[in-house]
Amino acid sequence: MSKSLAVLPAHDAAACCAPGQVTLPDRDGYGPLCCAPLSQGPLSAEQAGQVAPLLKALGDPVRLRLMSLVASRPGGEACVCDLAGDFDLSQPTISHHLKVLHEEGLLDRDKRGVWVYYKVRSQAMASLGTLIGYPGPA
């Protein structure tokens, strides 16, 4: 199999994913993506367009901090009500940022009564780490 990056919809992922490749998060409406680490081959414009929204979601300082706060909580889970005090933002704004992270497949959510609890998708974060990871000089 070629070392070029192959990013495919979920229904084609089994045909793509070979040893050393990663499966990126299932994004609403897109399904999981299968690809090789960035250091194994250049991205096409289409592939970059598929991966960029995941990185863009983490590129916002509030969302990056939210990911850190949720991941560092016991069980890797937090309620919106638990996070609001850590920001000088309204609860609806925090909820919006959490929704973006959820839509990109980085967080799972569970509605309990009037509150929504978010949990880090550890496989999604591990896959992003592998995608971006650089092996260093040969």
C-alpha atoms as a PDB file:
ATOM      1  CA  MET A   1       0.000   0.000   0.000  1.00  0.00           C
ATOM      2  CA  SER A   2       1.172   3.493  -0.822  1.00  0.00           C
ATOM      3  CA  LYS A   3       2.417   5.746   1.953  1.00  0.00           C
ATOM      4  CA  SER A   4       0.266   8.623   0.684  1.00  0.00           C
ATOM      5  CA  LEU A   5      -2.437   9.830   3.014  1.00  0.00           C
ATOM      6  CA  ALA A   6      -5.785   8.215   2.326  1.00  0.00           C
ATOM      7  CA  VAL A   7      -8.770   9.874   3.954  1.00  0.00           C
ATOM      8  CA  LEU A   8     -11.946   7.933   3.275  1.00  0.00           C
ATOM      9  CA  PRO A   9     -15.518   7.888   4.558  1.00  0.00           C
ATOM     10  CA  ALA A  10     -16.342   5.254   7.194  1.00  0.00           C
ATOM     11  CA  HIS A  11     -17.807   2.760   4.729  1.00  0.00           C
ATOM     12  CA  ASP A  12     -14.438   2.638   2.930  1.00  0.00           C
ATOM     13  CA  ALA A  13     -12.265   2.844   6.068  1.00  0.00           C
ATOM     14  CA  ALA A  14     -11.783  -0.932   6.390  1.00  0.00           C
ATOM     15  CA  ALA A  15     -10.273  -1.036   2.900  1.00  0.00           C
ATOM     16  CA  CYS A  16      -7.939   1.852   3.722  1.00  0.00           C
ATOM     17  CA  CYS A  17      -6.714   1.336   7.250  1.00  0.00           C
ATOM     18  CA  ALA A  18      -3.434  -0.496   7.197  1.00  0.00           C
ATOM     19  CA  PRO A  19      -0.896  -0.894   9.994  1.00  0.00           C
ATOM     20  CA  GLY A  20       0.518   2.500  10.909  1.00  0.00           C
ATOM     21  CA  GLN A  21      -2.590   4.397   9.828  1.00  0.00           C
ATOM     22  CA  VAL A  22      -5.020   6.153  12.142  1.00  0.00           C
ATOM     23  CA  THR A  23      -8.782   6.522  12.225  1.00  0.00           C
ATOM     24  CA  LEU A  24      -9.800  10.085  12.959  1.00  0.00           C
ATOM     25  CA  PRO A  25     -13.018  10.945  14.810  1.00  0.00           C
ATOM     26  CA  ASP A  26     -16.455  10.301  13.411  1.00  0.00           C
ATOM     27  CA  ARG A  27     -17.732  13.739  12.456  1.00  0.00           C
ATOM     28  CA  ASP A  28     -21.475  14.320  12.189  1.00  0.00           C
ATOM     29  CA  GLY A  29     -22.448  13.555   8.615  1.00  0.00           C
ATOM     30  CA  TYR A  30     -18.965  12.491   7.531  1.00  0.00           C
ATOM     31  CA  GLY A  31     -18.080   9.327   9.435  1.00  0.00           C
ATOM     32  CA  PRO A  32     -14.593   8.463  10.652  1.00  0.00           C
ATOM     33  CA  LEU A  33     -11.591   9.167   8.453  1.00  0.00           C
ATOM     34  CA  CYS A  34      -8.708   6.789   7.867  1.00  0.00           C
ATOM     35  CA  CYS A  35      -5.291   8.229   7.132  1.00  0.00           C
ATOM     36  CA  ALA A  36      -1.574   7.844   7.587  1.00  0.00           C
ATOM     37  CA  PRO A  37       0.462  10.190   9.813  1.00  0.00           C
ATOM     38  CA  LEU A  38       1.370  13.505   8.176  1.00  0.00           C
ATOM     39  CA  SER A  39       5.057  12.632   8.091  1.00  0.00           C
ATOM     40  CA  GLN A  40       4.365   9.668   5.778  1.00  0.00           C
ATOM     41  CA  GLY A  41       3.193  11.689   2.801  1.00  0.00           C
ATOM     42  CA  PRO A  42       1.861  15.049   1.667  1.00  0.00           C
ATOM     43  CA  LEU A  43      -1.824  15.883   2.001  1.00  0.00           C
ATOM     44  CA  SER A  44      -3.904  16.593  -1.069  1.00  0.00           C
ATOM     45  CA  ALA A  45      -6.109  19.683  -0.988  1.00  0.00           C
ATOM     46  CA  GLU A  46      -9.162  17.455  -0.441  1.00  0.00           C
ATOM     47  CA  GLN A  47      -7.540  15.558   2.423  1.00  0.00           C
ATOM     48  CA  ALA A  48      -6.413  18.769   4.094  1.00  0.00           C
ATOM     49  CA  GLY A  49      -9.977  20.037   3.794  1.00  0.00           C
ATOM     50  CA  GLN A  50     -11.231  16.973   5.648  1.00  0.00           C
ATOM     51  CA  VAL A  51      -8.667  17.108   8.464  1.00  0.00           C
ATOM     52  CA  ALA A  52      -8.560  20.907   8.930  1.00  0.00           C
ATOM     53  CA  PRO A  53     -11.930  21.240  10.745  1.00  0.00           C
ATOM     54  CA  LEU A  54     -10.684  18.924  13.515  1.00  0.00           C
ATOM     55  CA  LEU A  55      -7.582  21.018  13.989  1.00  0.00           C
ATOM     56  CA  LYS A  56      -9.542  24.249  13.637  1.00  0.00           C
ATOM     57  CA  ALA A  57     -11.848  23.152  16.449  1.00  0.00           C
ATOM     58  CA  LEU A  58      -8.815  22.870  18.721  1.00  0.00           C
ATOM     59  CA  GLY A  59      -7.274  26.060  17.343  1.00  0.00           C
ATOM     60  CA  ASP A  60      -9.562  28.278  19.393  1.00  0.00           C
ATOM     61  CA  PRO A  61      -8.050  29.041  22.840  1.00  0.00           C
ATOM     62  CA  VAL A  62     -11.388  28.589  24.621  1.00  0.00           C
ATOM     63  CA  ARG A  63     -12.032  25.214  22.974  1.00  0.00           C
ATOM     64  CA  LEU A  64      -8.482  24.036  23.617  1.00  0.00           C
ATOM     65  CA  ARG A  65      -8.855  24.971  27.271  1.00  0.00           C
ATOM     66  CA  LEU A  66     -12.265  23.272  27.436  1.00  0.00           C
ATOM     67  CA  MET A  67     -10.724  20.064  26.075  1.00  0.00           C
ATOM     68  CA  SER A  68      -8.032  20.293  28.736  1.00  0.00           C
ATOM     69  CA  LEU A  69     -10.542  20.933  31.505  1.00  0.00           C
ATOM     70  CA  VAL A  70     -12.822  18.074  30.480  1.00  0.00           C
ATOM     71  CA  ALA A  71      -9.930  15.650  29.944  1.00  0.00           C
ATOM     72  CA  SER A  72      -8.376  16.445  33.325  1.00  0.00           C
ATOM     73  CA  ARG A  73     -11.598  15.930  35.304  1.00  0.00           C
ATOM     74  CA  PRO A  74     -12.122  12.602  37.065  1.00  0.00           C
ATOM     75  CA  GLY A  75     -13.377  10.155  34.456  1.00  0.00           C
ATOM     76  CA  GLY A  76     -12.597  12.647  31.669  1.00  0.00           C
ATOM     77  CA  GLU A  77     -16.134  14.008  31.975  1.00  0.00           C
ATOM     78  CA  ALA A  78     -17.641  17.363  32.930  1.00  0.00           C
ATOM     79  CA  CYS A  79     -20.974  19.131  32.947  1.00  0.00           C
ATOM     80  CA  VAL A  80     -21.371  22.531  31.351  1.00  0.00           C
ATOM     81  CA  CYS A  81     -22.324  23.758  34.822  1.00  0.00           C
ATOM     82  CA  ASP A  82     -18.902  22.597  36.127  1.00  0.00           C
ATOM     83  CA  LEU A  83     -17.005  24.507  33.438  1.00  0.00           C
ATOM     84  CA  ALA A  84     -18.778  27.867  33.467  1.00  0.00           C
ATOM     85  CA  GLY A  85     -16.847  29.138  36.500  1.00  0.00           C
ATOM     86  CA  ASP A  86     -13.511  28.660  34.732  1.00  0.00           C
ATOM     87  CA  PHE A  87     -14.294  31.294  32.083  1.00  0.00           C
ATOM     88  CA  ASP A  88     -15.429  34.876  31.864  1.00  0.00           C
ATOM     89  CA  LEU A  89     -18.020  33.733  29.324  1.00  0.00           C
ATOM     90  CA  SER A  90     -21.727  33.029  29.473  1.00  0.00           C
ATOM     91  CA  GLN A  91     -22.958  29.458  29.816  1.00  0.00           C
ATOM     92  CA  PRO A  92     -24.533  29.564  26.313  1.00  0.00           C
ATOM     93  CA  THR A  93     -21.161  30.584  24.840  1.00  0.00           C
ATOM     94  CA  ILE A  94     -19.403  27.722  26.617  1.00  0.00           C
ATOM     95  CA  SER A  95     -22.140  25.362  25.427  1.00  0.00           C
ATOM     96  CA  HIS A  96     -21.569  26.564  21.851  1.00  0.00           C
ATOM     97  CA  HIS A  97     -17.843  25.820  22.055  1.00  0.00           C
ATOM     98  CA  LEU A  98     -18.549  22.368  23.518  1.00  0.00           C
ATOM     99  CA  LYS A  99     -21.032  21.731  20.709  1.00  0.00           C
ATOM    100  CA  VAL A 100     -18.350  22.532  18.125  1.00  0.00           C
ATOM    101  CA  LEU A 101     -15.974  20.048  19.776  1.00  0.00           C
ATOM    102  CA  HIS A 102     -18.746  17.448  19.836  1.00  0.00           C
ATOM    103  CA  GLU A 103     -19.652  17.995  16.177  1.00  0.00           C
ATOM    104  CA  GLU A 104     -16.022  17.457  15.198  1.00  0.00           C
ATOM    105  CA  GLY A 105     -16.002  14.138  17.059  1.00  0.00           C
ATOM    106  CA  LEU A 106     -13.664  15.178  19.862  1.00  0.00           C
ATOM    107  CA  LEU A 107     -16.236  14.963  22.675  1.00  0.00           C
ATOM    108  CA  ASP A 108     -19.188  12.701  23.409  1.00  0.00           C
ATOM    109  CA  ARG A 109     -22.188  14.179  25.161  1.00  0.00           C
ATOM    110  CA  ASP A 110     -24.922  12.824  27.386  1.00  0.00           C
ATOM    111  CA  LYS A 111     -27.985  14.817  28.443  1.00  0.00           C
ATOM    112  CA  ARG A 112     -28.930  14.226  32.075  1.00  0.00           C
ATOM    113  CA  GLY A 113     -31.966  16.191  33.104  1.00  0.00           C
ATOM    114  CA  VAL A 114     -31.388  19.818  32.166  1.00  0.00           C
ATOM    115  CA  TRP A 115     -27.574  19.504  31.953  1.00  0.00           C
ATOM    116  CA  VAL A 116     -25.347  18.105  29.257  1.00  0.00           C
ATOM    117  CA  TYR A 117     -22.241  16.179  30.271  1.00  0.00           C
ATOM    118  CA  TYR A 118     -19.265  16.002  27.931  1.00  0.00           C
ATOM    119  CA  LYS A 119     -16.614  13.298  27.822  1.00  0.00           C
ATOM    120  CA  VAL A 120     -13.370  13.276  25.855  1.00  0.00           C
ATOM    121  CA  ARG A 121     -13.237  10.698  23.086  1.00  0.00           C
ATOM    122  CA  SER A 122      -9.835   9.329  24.026  1.00  0.00           C
ATOM    123  CA  GLN A 123      -9.438   7.449  20.745  1.00  0.00           C
ATOM    124  CA  ALA A 124     -10.044  10.667  18.824  1.00  0.00           C
ATOM    125  CA  MET A 125      -7.348  12.476  20.784  1.00  0.00           C
ATOM    126  CA  ALA A 126      -4.907   9.563  20.438  1.00  0.00           C
ATOM    127  CA  SER A 127      -5.549   9.457  16.689  1.00  0.00           C
ATOM    128  CA  LEU A 128      -4.933  13.181  16.323  1.00  0.00           C
ATOM    129  CA  GLY A 129      -1.704  12.783  18.284  1.00  0.00           C
ATOM    130  CA  THR A 130      -0.588  10.022  15.945  1.00  0.00           C
ATOM    131  CA  LEU A 131      -1.626  12.009  12.876  1.00  0.00           C
ATOM    132  CA  ILE A 132       0.414  15.027  13.917  1.00  0.00           C
ATOM    133  CA  GLY A 133       3.276  13.164  15.600  1.00  0.00           C
ATOM    134  CA  TYR A 134       6.622  13.495  13.957  1.00  0.00           C
ATOM    135  CA  PRO A 135       9.057  10.602  14.294  1.00  0.00           C
ATOM    136  CA  GLY A 136      12.131  12.846  14.334  1.00  0.00           C
ATOM    137  CA  PRO A 137      15.267  12.513  12.223  1.00  0.00           C
ATOM    138  CA  ALA A 138      15.930   9.097  10.746  1.00  0.00           C
END
